Amino acid sequence: MTRPPHSHLPLAPAAAFVLVWSSGYISGPAAVHAAAPFTVLGWRFVLAALLGAGLALAMRRPTRMDRAIVGRVALVGLVMNALQFGLMYVAFDLGLGATLASLFHALSPVLTAILAAGLLGERVSVLQVAGFVVGVVGVLLVLGADLGHAGGPVAVLIGCLSMLTLSLGTLGQRWIGAQPDLLWSAAVQFAVSAPPMLVLGWATEGLWPVTDTSQAVVSVLLLAIVNSIVGLVLLSMLVLRGGSGAAASLFFLSPPVTAVMAWLVLDETLTPTQLVGLVVAVVGVGAATRTRPVPVPGSPTGDEHHAGSSRAEHPR
């Protein structure tokens, strides 16, 4: 293992990643406003799997995965994609806003480090725990006493569960025990996530649960191409260039960027109290992710999922 050659992140890919990551919280709600959530995800994963496999073939990427590794990659993919996104898109369908969803997921890298400390005995700093607590306080301020604007208690609870499954999936990446190629691994994870979403959609939403075909098609294409593939490649570049700790430090930027996008595109607004809560949450997450390296959700390498590691090897 070798340390990344640079300790800082290149500005253009870092800015592009924040924009791409944040845009997912805009395309997601837009998609479920035009079609049912499980169907949206099913077709997103189908397209992303085809794109990932096609790109891997075009680039002649090596598979380097035996049957055991493929099985582990697939199981982790079900948690990271089908379960985590399935929960969040149901929350979107119930009325959870883009900014709140982004806040939940922004807390995930720090929650992952805390879970690693509790479940695996890894070290976690006091400031990381304090940052997570401050982040939660900020989220509570954004939520306020009335959860109606956030889709109700069920939507908020499902959003929290999505954050938890994202953290558990991030820890599960280490269980893979190898570093398979980034694109092939992503293609496998998208491919295994598509059938359960499509079947669940057909069983509970019908064969064509679409109310606005053009909006649904555009949203699914954006989710598959921009968020699933471009976002994955950008994250891989950033982890390899600056390590997982530096990459994780970008996640605290997503909520404010998402809030601006949601205001421009979805007409979401925040009250003064909610804006204060957003700032508090961002400060808490920012402090926690900048004090020590923390695991990156969906990170494409093996070692950077360790809470105390900032090393990066070949992409999976």
Protein backbone atom coordinates (compact mmCIF):
# COMPACT_ATOMS: atom_id res chain seq x y z
CA MET A 1 0.00 0.00 0.00
CA THR A 2 1.20 3.52 -0.75
CA ARG A 3 -0.02 6.89 0.29
CA PRO A 4 -1.69 9.04 -2.34
CA PRO A 5 0.84 11.24 -4.05
CA HIS A 6 -1.01 14.41 -3.05
CA SER A 7 -2.56 15.27 0.30
CA HIS A 8 -4.97 17.78 -1.25
CA LEU A 9 -7.84 17.28 -3.65
CA PRO A 10 -7.81 18.72 -7.19
CA LEU A 11 -10.30 21.59 -7.27
CA ALA A 12 -12.18 20.82 -10.49
CA PRO A 13 -12.97 17.12 -9.77
CA ALA A 14 -13.79 17.98 -6.14
CA ALA A 15 -16.23 20.71 -7.15
CA ALA A 16 -17.71 18.47 -9.84
CA PHE A 17 -18.20 15.66 -7.33
CA VAL A 18 -20.01 17.92 -4.85
CA LEU A 19 -22.32 19.14 -7.63
CA VAL A 20 -22.95 15.61 -8.92
CA TRP A 21 -23.50 14.15 -5.44
CA SER A 22 -25.88 16.99 -4.52
CA SER A 23 -27.79 16.76 -7.78
CA GLY A 24 -28.88 13.24 -6.87
CA TYR A 25 -31.09 14.70 -4.14
CA ILE A 26 -32.79 16.81 -6.82
CA SER A 27 -33.18 14.15 -9.51
CA GLY A 28 -34.49 11.62 -6.96
CA PRO A 29 -37.52 13.64 -5.78
CA ALA A 30 -38.14 14.80 -9.37
CA ALA A 31 -38.20 11.18 -10.49
CA VAL A 32 -40.62 9.97 -7.81
CA HIS A 33 -42.93 12.90 -8.60
CA ALA A 34 -43.18 11.50 -12.12
CA ALA A 35 -43.16 7.76 -11.40
CA ALA A 36 -43.30 5.30 -8.48
CA PRO A 37 -40.07 4.92 -6.45
CA PHE A 38 -39.28 1.21 -6.88
CA THR A 39 -39.87 1.35 -10.62
CA VAL A 40 -37.64 4.44 -10.91
CA LEU A 41 -34.84 2.68 -9.05
CA GLY A 42 -35.23 -0.55 -10.98
CA TRP A 43 -34.73 1.14 -14.33
CA ARG A 44 -31.98 3.36 -12.94
CA PHE A 45 -30.04 0.27 -11.87
CA VAL A 46 -30.66 -1.48 -15.21
CA LEU A 47 -29.23 1.46 -17.13
CA ALA A 48 -26.35 1.96 -14.71
CA ALA A 49 -25.40 -1.73 -14.89
CA LEU A 50 -25.37 -1.64 -18.70
CA LEU A 51 -23.35 1.59 -18.73
CA GLY A 52 -20.87 0.31 -16.16
CA ALA A 53 -20.35 -3.01 -17.94
CA GLY A 54 -20.13 -1.33 -21.35
CA LEU A 55 -17.53 1.14 -20.10
CA ALA A 56 -15.55 -1.65 -18.44
CA LEU A 57 -15.53 -3.63 -21.70
CA ALA A 58 -14.59 -0.59 -23.76
CA MET A 59 -11.70 0.17 -21.40
CA ARG A 60 -10.74 -3.52 -21.21
CA ARG A 61 -10.85 -3.45 -17.43
CA PRO A 62 -9.80 -6.72 -15.73
CA THR A 63 -12.46 -8.58 -13.78
CA ARG A 64 -10.18 -10.06 -11.10
CA MET A 65 -13.17 -11.47 -9.22
CA ASP A 66 -13.62 -15.09 -8.27
CA ARG A 67 -17.01 -16.54 -7.34
CA ALA A 68 -16.67 -15.73 -3.63
CA ILE A 69 -15.72 -12.11 -4.30
CA VAL A 70 -18.59 -11.69 -6.78
CA GLY A 71 -20.99 -12.98 -4.13
CA ARG A 72 -19.70 -10.54 -1.53
CA VAL A 73 -19.75 -7.64 -3.98
CA ALA A 74 -23.34 -8.52 -4.86
CA LEU A 75 -24.51 -8.72 -1.23
CA VAL A 76 -22.92 -5.40 -0.35
CA GLY A 77 -24.44 -3.92 -3.49
CA LEU A 78 -27.91 -4.99 -2.38
CA VAL A 79 -27.43 -3.08 0.86
CA MET A 80 -25.73 -0.04 -0.69
CA ASN A 81 -28.11 0.26 -3.64
CA ALA A 82 -31.40 -1.62 -3.34
CA LEU A 83 -31.93 -1.21 0.41
CA GLN A 84 -30.39 2.22 0.98
CA PHE A 85 -31.84 3.89 -2.12
CA GLY A 86 -35.11 1.98 -1.80
CA LEU A 87 -35.64 3.45 1.66
CA MET A 88 -34.66 6.98 0.65
CA TYR A 89 -36.88 6.98 -2.45
CA VAL A 90 -39.85 5.80 -0.41
CA ALA A 91 -39.09 8.70 1.95
CA PHE A 92 -39.01 11.03 -1.07
CA ASP A 93 -42.37 9.65 -2.15
CA LEU A 94 -43.77 10.37 1.33
CA GLY A 95 -42.57 13.97 1.17
CA LEU A 96 -39.05 14.05 2.60
CA GLY A 97 -37.24 17.07 1.17
CA ALA A 98 -33.99 17.08 -0.77
CA THR A 99 -32.07 19.12 1.82
CA LEU A 100 -33.06 16.86 4.70
CA ALA A 101 -32.14 13.77 2.71
CA SER A 102 -28.75 15.30 1.97
CA LEU A 103 -28.26 16.10 5.66
CA PHE A 104 -29.01 12.51 6.65
CA HIS A 105 -26.47 11.14 4.20
CA ALA A 106 -23.90 13.80 5.08
CA LEU A 107 -23.88 12.35 8.59
CA SER A 108 -23.19 8.88 7.22
CA PRO A 109 -19.34 9.02 7.02
CA VAL A 110 -19.11 10.01 10.69
CA LEU A 111 -21.77 7.47 11.70
CA THR A 112 -19.75 4.82 9.87
CA ALA A 113 -16.65 5.67 11.89
CA ILE A 114 -18.67 5.51 15.12
CA LEU A 115 -20.21 2.17 14.13
CA ALA A 116 -16.75 0.84 13.31
CA ALA A 117 -15.64 1.84 16.79
CA GLY A 118 -18.62 0.16 18.45
CA LEU A 119 -18.81 -2.97 16.29
CA LEU A 120 -15.19 -3.52 15.31
CA GLY A 121 -13.28 -1.88 18.14
CA GLU A 122 -11.66 0.75 15.94
CA ARG A 123 -10.57 4.10 17.27
CA VAL A 124 -12.80 7.15 17.03
CA SER A 125 -11.91 10.64 18.24
CA VAL A 126 -13.92 12.61 20.77
CA LEU A 127 -14.28 15.39 18.23
CA GLN A 128 -15.77 12.97 15.70
CA VAL A 129 -18.42 11.93 18.23
CA ALA A 130 -19.02 15.56 19.19
CA GLY A 131 -19.28 16.53 15.53
CA PHE A 132 -21.86 13.81 14.94
CA VAL A 133 -23.89 15.00 17.95
CA VAL A 134 -23.75 18.60 16.72
CA GLY A 135 -24.80 17.39 13.27
CA VAL A 136 -27.80 15.58 14.74
CA VAL A 137 -28.75 18.72 16.70
CA GLY A 138 -28.64 20.67 13.44
CA VAL A 139 -30.87 18.11 11.73
CA LEU A 140 -33.34 18.34 14.62
CA LEU A 141 -33.41 22.13 14.22
CA VAL A 142 -34.16 21.72 10.53
CA LEU A 143 -36.90 19.22 11.32
CA GLY A 144 -38.51 21.37 14.02
CA ALA A 145 -41.46 20.34 16.17
CA ASP A 146 -43.83 19.77 13.24
CA LEU A 147 -42.70 17.00 10.92
CA GLY A 148 -45.46 17.64 8.40
CA HIS A 149 -43.16 19.63 6.11
CA ALA A 150 -40.79 16.65 6.04
CA GLY A 151 -43.43 14.11 5.04
CA GLY A 152 -44.33 13.11 8.60
CA PRO A 153 -42.65 10.88 11.20
CA VAL A 154 -42.64 7.82 8.92
CA ALA A 155 -40.75 9.64 6.15
CA VAL A 156 -38.19 10.94 8.66
CA LEU A 157 -37.74 7.50 10.20
CA ILE A 158 -37.26 5.88 6.78
CA GLY A 159 -34.73 8.59 5.90
CA CYS A 160 -32.80 7.78 9.08
CA LEU A 161 -32.87 4.08 8.22
CA SER A 162 -31.46 4.92 4.79
CA MET A 163 -28.57 6.72 6.49
CA LEU A 164 -27.97 3.70 8.72
CA THR A 165 -27.98 1.24 5.81
CA LEU A 166 -25.56 3.50 3.90
CA SER A 167 -23.16 3.35 6.85
CA LEU A 168 -23.57 -0.41 7.26
CA GLY A 169 -23.01 -0.89 3.53
CA THR A 170 -19.86 1.22 3.73
CA LEU A 171 -18.57 -1.04 6.50
CA GLY A 172 -19.62 -4.04 4.42
CA GLN A 173 -17.30 -2.97 1.60
CA ARG A 174 -14.40 -4.11 3.78
CA TRP A 175 -15.94 -7.57 4.10
CA ILE A 176 -15.38 -8.02 0.37
CA GLY A 177 -11.75 -8.64 1.28
CA ALA A 178 -10.33 -7.69 -2.10
CA GLN A 179 -10.18 -4.79 -4.48
CA PRO A 180 -11.98 -5.80 -7.66
CA ASP A 181 -12.15 -3.39 -10.56
CA LEU A 182 -14.25 -0.29 -9.94
CA LEU A 183 -16.46 -0.52 -13.01
CA TRP A 184 -17.03 -4.28 -12.93
CA SER A 185 -17.81 -4.15 -9.24
CA ALA A 186 -20.26 -1.30 -9.76
CA ALA A 187 -21.87 -3.11 -12.69
CA VAL A 188 -22.39 -6.22 -10.56
CA GLN A 189 -23.86 -4.19 -7.71
CA PHE A 190 -26.23 -2.31 -9.98
CA ALA A 191 -27.21 -5.52 -11.80
CA VAL A 192 -28.15 -7.43 -8.65
CA SER A 193 -30.09 -4.43 -7.32
CA ALA A 194 -32.29 -4.00 -10.39
CA PRO A 195 -34.40 -7.22 -10.26
CA PRO A 196 -35.67 -6.86 -6.66
CA MET A 197 -36.61 -3.22 -7.32
CA LEU A 198 -38.41 -4.06 -10.57
CA VAL A 199 -40.25 -7.04 -9.09
CA LEU A 200 -41.21 -5.04 -6.00
CA GLY A 201 -42.35 -2.22 -8.24
CA TRP A 202 -44.44 -4.47 -10.48
CA ALA A 203 -46.01 -6.13 -7.42
CA THR A 204 -46.83 -2.96 -5.48
CA GLU A 205 -46.92 -0.16 -8.06
CA GLY A 206 -48.16 -1.78 -11.25
CA LEU A 207 -46.53 -2.31 -14.63
CA TRP A 208 -46.47 1.36 -15.65
CA PRO A 209 -46.77 3.65 -12.58
CA VAL A 210 -45.76 6.78 -14.52
CA THR A 211 -47.63 10.09 -14.35
CA ASP A 212 -45.19 12.24 -16.37
CA THR A 213 -43.27 10.20 -18.94
CA SER A 214 -40.84 12.90 -20.10
CA GLN A 215 -39.88 13.95 -16.58
CA ALA A 216 -39.51 10.32 -15.50
CA VAL A 217 -37.27 9.46 -18.46
CA VAL A 218 -35.03 12.52 -18.04
CA SER A 219 -34.73 11.97 -14.28
CA VAL A 220 -33.86 8.28 -14.61
CA LEU A 221 -31.27 9.03 -17.30
CA LEU A 222 -29.67 11.69 -15.10
CA LEU A 223 -29.64 9.36 -12.11
CA ALA A 224 -28.10 6.49 -14.08
CA ILE A 225 -25.53 8.43 -16.08
CA VAL A 226 -24.58 11.37 -13.87
CA ASN A 227 -25.13 10.13 -10.34
CA SER A 228 -24.42 6.41 -10.71
CA ILE A 229 -21.52 6.41 -13.19
CA VAL A 230 -19.98 9.90 -13.32
CA GLY A 231 -20.27 10.29 -9.55
CA LEU A 232 -18.62 6.93 -8.96
CA VAL A 233 -15.71 7.75 -11.27
CA LEU A 234 -15.20 11.17 -9.66
CA LEU A 235 -15.23 9.66 -6.16
CA SER A 236 -12.69 7.08 -7.23
CA MET A 237 -10.42 9.81 -8.61
CA LEU A 238 -10.66 11.82 -5.41
CA VAL A 239 -9.99 8.87 -3.11
CA LEU A 240 -6.97 7.82 -5.14
CA ARG A 241 -5.65 11.38 -5.29
CA GLY A 242 -6.21 12.53 -1.72
CA GLY A 243 -7.26 9.49 0.31
CA SER A 244 -10.61 8.71 1.88
CA GLY A 245 -10.20 11.26 4.66
CA ALA A 246 -9.83 14.12 2.20
CA ALA A 247 -12.69 12.82 0.06
CA ALA A 248 -14.96 12.43 3.08
CA SER A 249 -14.35 16.06 3.99
CA LEU A 250 -16.35 17.03 0.90
CA PHE A 251 -19.58 15.46 2.11
CA PHE A 252 -20.34 18.28 4.53
CA LEU A 253 -20.58 20.61 1.51
CA SER A 254 -23.46 18.67 -0.02
CA PRO A 255 -26.35 19.91 2.20
CA PRO A 256 -25.89 23.64 1.50
CA VAL A 257 -25.33 22.98 -2.21
CA THR A 258 -28.41 20.75 -2.23
CA ALA A 259 -30.42 23.45 -0.43
CA VAL A 260 -29.57 25.99 -3.14
CA MET A 261 -30.39 23.47 -5.91
CA ALA A 262 -33.65 22.50 -4.19
CA TRP A 263 -34.63 26.16 -3.94
CA LEU A 264 -33.87 26.75 -7.63
CA VAL A 265 -35.33 23.54 -9.06
CA LEU A 266 -37.87 22.13 -6.58
CA ASP A 267 -38.97 25.43 -4.98
CA GLU A 268 -38.02 24.17 -1.52
CA THR A 269 -37.49 26.91 1.04
CA LEU A 270 -36.10 26.94 4.58
CA THR A 271 -37.23 29.08 7.51
CA PRO A 272 -34.61 31.11 9.45
CA THR A 273 -34.57 28.43 12.16
CA GLN A 274 -34.04 25.72 9.56
CA LEU A 275 -31.21 27.72 7.99
CA VAL A 276 -29.55 27.94 11.42
CA GLY A 277 -30.00 24.18 11.81
CA LEU A 278 -28.46 23.61 8.38
CA VAL A 279 -25.40 25.67 9.35
CA VAL A 280 -25.09 23.85 12.69
CA ALA A 281 -25.30 20.44 11.01
CA VAL A 282 -22.77 21.38 8.34
CA VAL A 283 -20.32 22.70 10.95
CA GLY A 284 -20.67 19.51 13.00
CA VAL A 285 -20.13 17.18 10.06
CA GLY A 286 -17.34 19.38 8.69
CA ALA A 287 -15.46 19.32 11.99
CA ALA A 288 -15.88 15.56 12.36
CA THR A 289 -14.71 14.72 8.85
CA ARG A 290 -11.73 17.07 8.93
CA THR A 291 -10.25 15.97 12.26
CA ARG A 292 -9.47 12.38 11.25
CA PRO A 293 -10.03 10.32 8.11
CA VAL A 294 -13.45 8.70 8.08
CA PRO A 295 -14.98 6.09 5.77
CA VAL A 296 -16.47 7.37 2.55
CA PRO A 297 -19.94 6.08 1.54
CA GLY A 298 -19.60 4.02 -1.62
CA SER A 299 -15.84 4.47 -1.62
CA PRO A 300 -14.25 2.40 -4.37
CA THR A 301 -11.23 0.99 -2.55
CA GLY A 302 -10.71 -1.43 0.25
CA ASP A 303 -8.47 0.16 2.87
CA GLU A 304 -10.07 3.58 2.98
CA HIS A 305 -13.12 2.10 4.66
CA HIS A 306 -11.12 1.74 7.84
CA ALA A 307 -11.99 4.62 10.09
CA GLY A 308 -8.40 5.46 10.79
CA SER A 309 -6.91 4.95 7.35
CA SER A 310 -6.20 7.53 4.70
CA ARG A 311 -4.55 5.17 2.25
CA ALA A 312 -5.79 4.21 -1.15
CA GLU A 313 -4.93 1.43 -3.51
CA HIS A 314 -6.38 0.32 -6.82
CA PRO A 315 -10.08 1.04 -7.37
CA ARG A 316 -12.53 -1.79 -6.97
